Amino acid sequence: MRVHKCDHRGERRVSYDGDVLSRDGERITLRAIWTLPTRTLPYVTLEQGDVFIETFYTDRWYNLFEIRHRHGDLKGWYADISRPARITGDDIEWDDLALDIWMSPDGTMLILDKDEFETLARELPPNEAASARGAVALMQDELRTQWRRFANDAIAHALTSRGWTLGTAESCTGGLIGDVITGRPGSSAYFMGGIIAYSNVIKQRALGVRELTLRQHGAVSEPCALEMARGVRRALAVDVGVSATGIAGPDGGSADKPVGLTYVGVSSPLGEQVERNVWPHDRAGNKQATADAALRLLMQHLAIDPEAHAGAPAESRRSG
């Protein structure tokens, strides 16, 4: 299949070949190889031999590229805002509208070239400019879905390779972390269960969070998140505990603890970590962002070299 990247006027700028992997209704997925010289960008380095798994849609205002090193390691995902692709015979044409999104394997998302798009948008019909802008949120959702699948696989591999089990202790996320983890087939091999400790009473009874911790620091705090992660390890007899506590909103915030403030924690034989974040979303968005943060922290924690931590005392780390 021959792919033609065009500018916003529909004029061809770059053409290359790709092998069709699948074709279904309004989408086609290809495998293409980066053959140009090495290109270093602020967020990724593209090298000769890198593999691009490219999906084009005839009914969406974006496309999606998964980029892997020639040896198979994931480099990230790149999505372009574009007019719906035109697929005819052995050719694909798509019009680049400048606005792009990058998603790293660590879950970092970057929206790129916003100023360039706004300049270009002046030449677009109003309905096309509106469609392009509206596609950004859809594209972000698609990238987050791709990332969650990748993170879930990485967590599963790290746990099963060690023979470890996992449990969750959730407050503000209300079970979302466990839902994501159990969305992966085969998760019963390592995921033992979770405790939704929404009230302080349940945090104390089920997870062993100390009354002193709640009185001095509150339920939305680093010490509480840490004790929740430790507590679920004890309560469920698992190797790894991950926790989340926070203020999802729209009410309940204060000057010291605003709406969107959350803590996620992890406790395992590798040590202990806590991460602080303040999200700007609505209630549903804050809950999902916190669940994603817990997934990201867990994935990064399990990537630690066990040999480097052999015999090391548990640590608590704060970031965000």
Protein backbone atom coordinates (compact mmCIF):
# COMPACT_ATOMS: atom_id res chain seq x y z
CA MET A 1 0.00 0.00 0.00
CA ARG A 2 1.29 3.45 -0.87
CA VAL A 3 0.76 6.15 1.75
CA HIS A 4 0.69 9.80 0.76
CA LYS A 5 0.98 12.46 3.46
CA CYS A 6 -0.53 15.70 2.19
CA ASP A 7 -0.66 19.24 3.52
CA HIS A 8 -3.92 20.94 4.47
CA ARG A 9 -4.46 21.91 0.84
CA GLY A 10 -4.37 18.26 -0.20
CA GLU A 11 -0.99 18.52 -1.92
CA ARG A 12 1.25 15.47 -1.51
CA ARG A 13 4.40 16.08 0.55
CA VAL A 14 5.72 12.63 1.54
CA SER A 15 5.01 9.17 0.10
CA TYR A 16 6.10 5.77 1.38
CA ASP A 17 5.09 2.10 1.33
CA GLY A 18 3.41 0.05 4.05
CA ASP A 19 2.22 -3.54 4.42
CA VAL A 20 -1.46 -4.01 5.24
CA LEU A 21 -2.00 -5.74 8.59
CA SER A 22 -5.77 -5.41 8.76
CA ARG A 23 -8.60 -3.69 6.96
CA ASP A 24 -12.04 -3.42 8.49
CA GLY A 25 -14.78 -1.09 7.37
CA GLU A 26 -13.67 2.46 8.09
CA ARG A 27 -10.10 1.67 9.15
CA ILE A 28 -6.91 0.24 7.75
CA THR A 29 -3.73 -0.66 9.68
CA LEU A 30 -0.31 -0.82 8.06
CA ARG A 31 3.24 -1.68 9.02
CA ALA A 32 5.83 0.79 7.73
CA ILE A 33 9.58 1.15 8.35
CA TRP A 34 11.39 4.43 9.05
CA THR A 35 14.03 4.65 6.31
CA LEU A 36 15.08 8.28 6.72
CA PRO A 37 18.17 9.41 8.68
CA THR A 38 17.98 9.56 12.47
CA ARG A 39 15.74 12.37 13.65
CA THR A 40 15.94 13.57 17.25
CA LEU A 41 12.82 15.27 18.58
CA PRO A 42 12.32 16.64 22.11
CA TYR A 43 10.22 13.61 23.06
CA VAL A 44 11.62 10.74 20.94
CA THR A 45 14.47 9.78 18.62
CA LEU A 46 13.46 8.13 15.36
CA GLU A 47 16.06 5.76 13.91
CA GLN A 48 16.39 3.81 10.70
CA GLY A 49 14.57 0.51 11.09
CA ASP A 50 12.00 1.78 13.58
CA VAL A 51 8.63 0.10 13.02
CA PHE A 52 5.47 2.18 12.62
CA ILE A 53 2.09 0.51 13.06
CA GLU A 54 -0.17 3.07 11.41
CA THR A 55 -3.96 3.16 11.59
CA PHE A 56 -5.95 5.40 9.28
CA TYR A 57 -9.69 6.07 9.49
CA THR A 58 -12.13 7.16 6.84
CA ASP A 59 -14.60 8.43 9.45
CA ARG A 60 -12.34 10.13 12.03
CA TRP A 61 -10.36 13.36 12.07
CA TYR A 62 -7.14 11.74 13.26
CA ASN A 63 -4.79 8.84 12.66
CA LEU A 64 -2.70 6.85 15.12
CA PHE A 65 0.87 5.56 14.88
CA GLU A 66 2.46 3.09 17.32
CA ILE A 67 6.23 3.42 17.10
CA ARG A 68 8.63 0.65 18.10
CA HIS A 69 12.38 0.21 17.97
CA ARG A 70 13.44 -2.34 15.36
CA HIS A 71 14.11 -4.75 18.24
CA GLY A 72 10.52 -4.41 19.45
CA ASP A 73 10.68 -1.98 22.39
CA LEU A 74 7.87 0.55 22.41
CA LYS A 75 8.92 4.16 21.84
CA GLY A 76 5.44 5.65 22.08
CA TRP A 77 2.35 6.67 20.15
CA TYR A 78 1.94 9.59 17.77
CA ALA A 79 -1.42 10.82 16.57
CA ASP A 80 -2.11 13.43 13.92
CA ILE A 81 -5.19 15.58 13.56
CA SER A 82 -6.13 15.13 9.92
CA ARG A 83 -9.07 15.00 7.58
CA PRO A 84 -10.54 11.50 7.26
CA ALA A 85 -8.25 9.38 5.13
CA ARG A 86 -9.01 8.76 1.47
CA ILE A 87 -8.43 5.10 0.59
CA THR A 88 -8.62 4.12 -3.07
CA GLY A 89 -7.18 0.92 -4.48
CA ASP A 90 -3.58 0.65 -3.29
CA ASP A 91 -3.30 4.27 -2.13
CA ILE A 92 -3.99 6.12 1.11
CA GLU A 93 -4.03 9.90 1.19
CA TRP A 94 -4.29 11.90 4.39
CA ASP A 95 -4.11 15.63 5.04
CA ASP A 96 -1.92 16.72 7.94
CA LEU A 97 -3.56 19.58 9.88
CA ALA A 98 -0.46 20.25 12.03
CA LEU A 99 -1.95 19.54 15.46
CA ASP A 100 -0.46 16.35 16.97
CA ILE A 101 -0.37 14.42 20.24
CA TRP A 102 2.49 12.32 21.61
CA MET A 103 2.05 9.66 24.31
CA SER A 104 5.14 8.18 25.95
CA PRO A 105 5.28 4.66 27.42
CA ASP A 106 5.47 6.27 30.87
CA GLY A 107 2.04 7.84 30.31
CA THR A 108 3.23 11.39 29.56
CA MET A 109 1.02 13.10 26.99
CA LEU A 110 2.07 16.15 24.96
CA ILE A 111 -0.09 18.23 22.63
CA LEU A 112 2.15 19.55 19.86
CA ASP A 113 2.08 22.43 17.39
CA LYS A 114 -1.01 24.20 18.74
CA ASP A 115 0.15 27.57 17.44
CA GLU A 116 0.87 26.15 14.01
CA PHE A 117 -2.62 24.66 13.88
CA GLU A 118 -4.30 27.91 14.87
CA THR A 119 -2.49 29.68 12.04
CA LEU A 120 -3.42 26.96 9.57
CA ALA A 121 -7.03 26.87 10.82
CA ARG A 122 -7.63 30.33 9.37
CA GLU A 123 -7.47 28.72 5.93
CA LEU A 124 -9.94 25.95 6.81
CA PRO A 125 -13.72 26.15 6.44
CA PRO A 126 -15.25 26.78 9.90
CA ASN A 127 -16.83 23.32 10.02
CA GLU A 128 -13.47 21.67 9.31
CA ALA A 129 -11.66 23.73 11.95
CA ALA A 130 -14.36 22.76 14.46
CA SER A 131 -14.08 19.06 13.53
CA ALA A 132 -10.32 19.18 13.93
CA ARG A 133 -10.53 20.83 17.36
CA GLY A 134 -13.21 18.40 18.46
CA ALA A 135 -11.05 15.43 17.49
CA VAL A 136 -8.42 16.30 20.11
CA ALA A 137 -10.41 14.91 23.05
CA LEU A 138 -11.28 11.76 21.07
CA MET A 139 -7.64 11.29 20.16
CA GLN A 140 -6.58 11.73 23.78
CA ASP A 141 -9.06 9.08 24.88
CA GLU A 142 -7.74 6.68 22.24
CA LEU A 143 -4.15 7.26 23.31
CA ARG A 144 -5.00 6.74 26.99
CA THR A 145 -6.70 3.47 26.06
CA GLN A 146 -3.59 2.34 24.21
CA TRP A 147 -1.39 3.33 27.14
CA ARG A 148 -3.54 1.56 29.76
CA ARG A 149 -3.31 -1.65 27.76
CA PHE A 150 0.47 -1.31 27.55
CA ALA A 151 0.84 -0.48 31.27
CA ASN A 152 -1.42 -3.36 32.24
CA ASP A 153 0.68 -5.78 30.20
CA ALA A 154 3.89 -4.42 31.74
CA ILE A 155 2.49 -4.81 35.26
CA ALA A 156 1.29 -8.33 34.53
CA HIS A 157 4.70 -9.33 33.18
CA ALA A 158 6.57 -7.80 36.15
CA LEU A 159 4.34 -9.56 38.68
CA THR A 160 4.20 -12.98 37.04
CA SER A 161 7.93 -13.05 36.34
CA ARG A 162 8.50 -12.62 40.09
CA GLY A 163 5.60 -14.81 41.15
CA TRP A 164 4.06 -11.88 43.08
CA THR A 165 0.45 -11.06 43.80
CA LEU A 166 -1.30 -7.69 43.88
CA GLY A 167 -4.08 -6.04 45.87
CA THR A 168 -5.66 -2.59 45.70
CA ALA A 169 -6.82 -0.20 48.42
CA GLU A 170 -9.04 2.50 46.93
CA SER A 171 -10.87 5.47 48.33
CA CYS A 172 -11.57 8.28 45.83
CA THR A 173 -11.24 5.97 42.79
CA GLY A 174 -14.00 3.69 44.06
CA GLY A 175 -12.66 0.56 42.38
CA LEU A 176 -11.41 2.02 39.09
CA ILE A 177 -7.85 0.73 39.61
CA GLY A 178 -9.10 -2.80 40.12
CA ASP A 179 -11.42 -2.43 37.13
CA VAL A 180 -8.53 -1.51 34.83
CA ILE A 181 -6.33 -4.31 36.13
CA THR A 182 -9.04 -6.95 35.81
CA GLY A 183 -9.85 -5.74 32.31
CA ARG A 184 -6.81 -7.71 31.20
CA PRO A 185 -7.46 -11.41 30.47
CA GLY A 186 -5.50 -13.65 32.82
CA SER A 187 -5.31 -11.08 35.63
CA SER A 188 -6.62 -13.66 38.12
CA ALA A 189 -3.14 -15.19 38.06
CA TYR A 190 -1.76 -12.25 40.06
CA PHE A 191 -4.59 -9.94 41.15
CA MET A 192 -6.10 -11.20 44.39
CA GLY A 193 -8.67 -8.47 45.11
CA GLY A 194 -9.25 -5.00 46.43
CA ILE A 195 -10.71 -3.06 49.33
CA ILE A 196 -12.78 0.06 48.65
CA ALA A 197 -12.20 1.95 51.88
CA TYR A 198 -14.27 5.04 51.23
CA SER A 199 -14.89 6.03 54.83
CA ASN A 200 -12.27 6.62 57.50
CA VAL A 201 -13.83 3.89 59.60
CA ILE A 202 -13.19 1.30 56.89
CA LYS A 203 -9.70 2.65 56.33
CA GLN A 204 -9.01 1.90 59.98
CA ARG A 205 -10.86 -1.40 60.29
CA ALA A 206 -10.00 -3.02 56.97
CA LEU A 207 -6.61 -1.50 56.23
CA GLY A 208 -5.19 -0.65 59.62
CA VAL A 209 -4.77 3.07 58.96
CA ARG A 210 -3.94 4.61 62.33
CA GLU A 211 -6.32 7.00 64.01
CA LEU A 212 -3.31 9.23 64.75
CA THR A 213 -2.54 9.41 61.02
CA LEU A 214 -6.09 10.48 60.20
CA ARG A 215 -6.18 13.01 63.01
CA GLN A 216 -2.81 14.61 62.26
CA HIS A 217 -2.69 14.35 58.45
CA GLY A 218 -6.19 13.50 57.27
CA ALA A 219 -7.41 10.82 54.91
CA VAL A 220 -6.08 12.74 51.90
CA SER A 221 -2.39 12.67 52.71
CA GLU A 222 0.85 10.92 51.93
CA PRO A 223 0.94 9.00 55.26
CA CYS A 224 -2.60 7.73 54.74
CA ALA A 225 -1.90 6.56 51.18
CA LEU A 226 1.20 4.76 52.42
CA GLU A 227 -0.62 3.04 55.29
CA MET A 228 -3.41 2.01 52.91
CA ALA A 229 -0.89 0.35 50.57
CA ARG A 230 0.79 -1.39 53.49
CA GLY A 231 -2.56 -2.36 54.95
CA VAL A 232 -3.91 -4.07 51.87
CA ARG A 233 -0.76 -6.18 51.70
CA ARG A 234 -1.49 -7.42 55.20
CA ALA A 235 -5.24 -7.75 54.79
CA LEU A 236 -5.11 -9.72 51.54
CA ALA A 237 -1.74 -11.41 52.12
CA VAL A 238 -0.35 -10.10 48.81
CA ASP A 239 3.15 -9.09 47.79
CA VAL A 240 2.25 -5.69 46.34
CA GLY A 241 -0.31 -3.15 47.48
CA VAL A 242 -1.37 -0.05 45.54
CA SER A 243 -3.55 2.68 47.02
CA ALA A 244 -5.41 5.87 46.11
CA THR A 245 -6.98 8.58 48.25
CA GLY A 246 -8.06 12.09 47.34
CA ILE A 247 -10.73 14.72 46.76
CA ALA A 248 -12.56 13.98 43.51
CA GLY A 249 -14.94 16.94 43.80
CA PRO A 250 -16.87 18.94 43.01
CA ASP A 251 -17.07 19.69 46.76
CA GLY A 252 -14.86 18.87 49.72
CA GLY A 253 -11.84 20.98 48.90
CA SER A 254 -10.12 23.62 51.01
CA ALA A 255 -7.25 26.09 50.68
CA ASP A 256 -4.78 23.49 51.93
CA LYS A 257 -6.39 20.55 50.15
CA PRO A 258 -8.06 21.65 46.91
CA VAL A 259 -10.45 19.63 44.81
CA GLY A 260 -8.38 17.34 42.61
CA LEU A 261 -5.70 16.67 45.23
CA THR A 262 -4.86 12.96 45.26
CA TYR A 263 -2.21 10.62 46.56
CA VAL A 264 -1.37 7.21 45.13
CA GLY A 265 0.94 4.81 46.92
CA VAL A 266 2.61 1.48 46.42
CA SER A 267 4.21 -0.94 48.88
CA SER A 268 6.16 -4.04 47.91
CA PRO A 269 9.36 -5.95 48.70
CA LEU A 270 11.09 -3.37 46.48
CA GLY A 271 10.19 -0.52 48.81
CA GLU A 272 7.46 2.09 49.14
CA GLN A 273 6.51 5.18 47.13
CA VAL A 274 3.85 7.85 47.25
CA GLU A 275 2.97 10.31 44.50
CA ARG A 276 1.01 13.54 44.89
CA ASN A 277 -1.06 15.11 42.12
CA VAL A 278 -3.61 17.90 41.78
CA TRP A 279 -5.97 17.32 38.86
CA PRO A 280 -7.99 20.04 37.11
CA HIS A 281 -10.84 17.85 35.86
CA ASP A 282 -14.43 17.22 36.89
CA ARG A 283 -15.25 14.42 39.32
CA ALA A 284 -15.15 11.63 36.74
CA GLY A 285 -11.98 13.01 35.20
CA ASN A 286 -10.21 13.31 38.56
CA LYS A 287 -11.11 9.73 39.42
CA GLN A 288 -9.84 8.39 36.11
CA ALA A 289 -6.66 10.48 36.25
CA THR A 290 -5.95 9.11 39.72
CA ALA A 291 -6.48 5.53 38.59
CA ASP A 292 -4.09 6.15 35.70
CA ALA A 293 -1.55 7.68 38.09
CA ALA A 294 -1.74 4.58 40.29
CA LEU A 295 -1.24 2.36 37.26
CA ARG A 296 1.75 4.46 36.16
CA LEU A 297 3.33 4.45 39.63
CA LEU A 298 2.86 0.70 39.92
CA MET A 299 4.40 0.06 36.50
CA GLN A 300 7.41 2.27 37.26
CA HIS A 301 7.84 0.78 40.73
CA LEU A 302 7.86 -2.78 39.43
CA ALA A 303 10.48 -1.83 36.83
CA ILE A 304 13.00 -1.26 39.65
CA ASP A 305 15.93 -3.66 39.57
CA PRO A 306 15.39 -6.06 42.51
CA GLU A 307 19.15 -6.50 42.96
CA ALA A 308 19.57 -2.78 43.60
CA HIS A 309 17.09 -2.99 46.46
CA ALA A 310 18.09 -6.27 48.02
CA GLY A 311 18.08 -5.73 51.76
CA ALA A 312 17.31 -2.02 51.40
CA PRO A 313 14.85 -0.44 53.85
CA ALA A 314 11.44 0.72 52.64
CA GLU A 315 11.31 4.30 51.42
CA SER A 316 8.57 6.80 50.85
CA ARG A 317 8.92 9.17 47.93
CA ARG A 318 6.81 12.22 47.25
CA SER A 319 6.41 13.76 43.80
CA GLY A 320 3.82 15.38 41.60
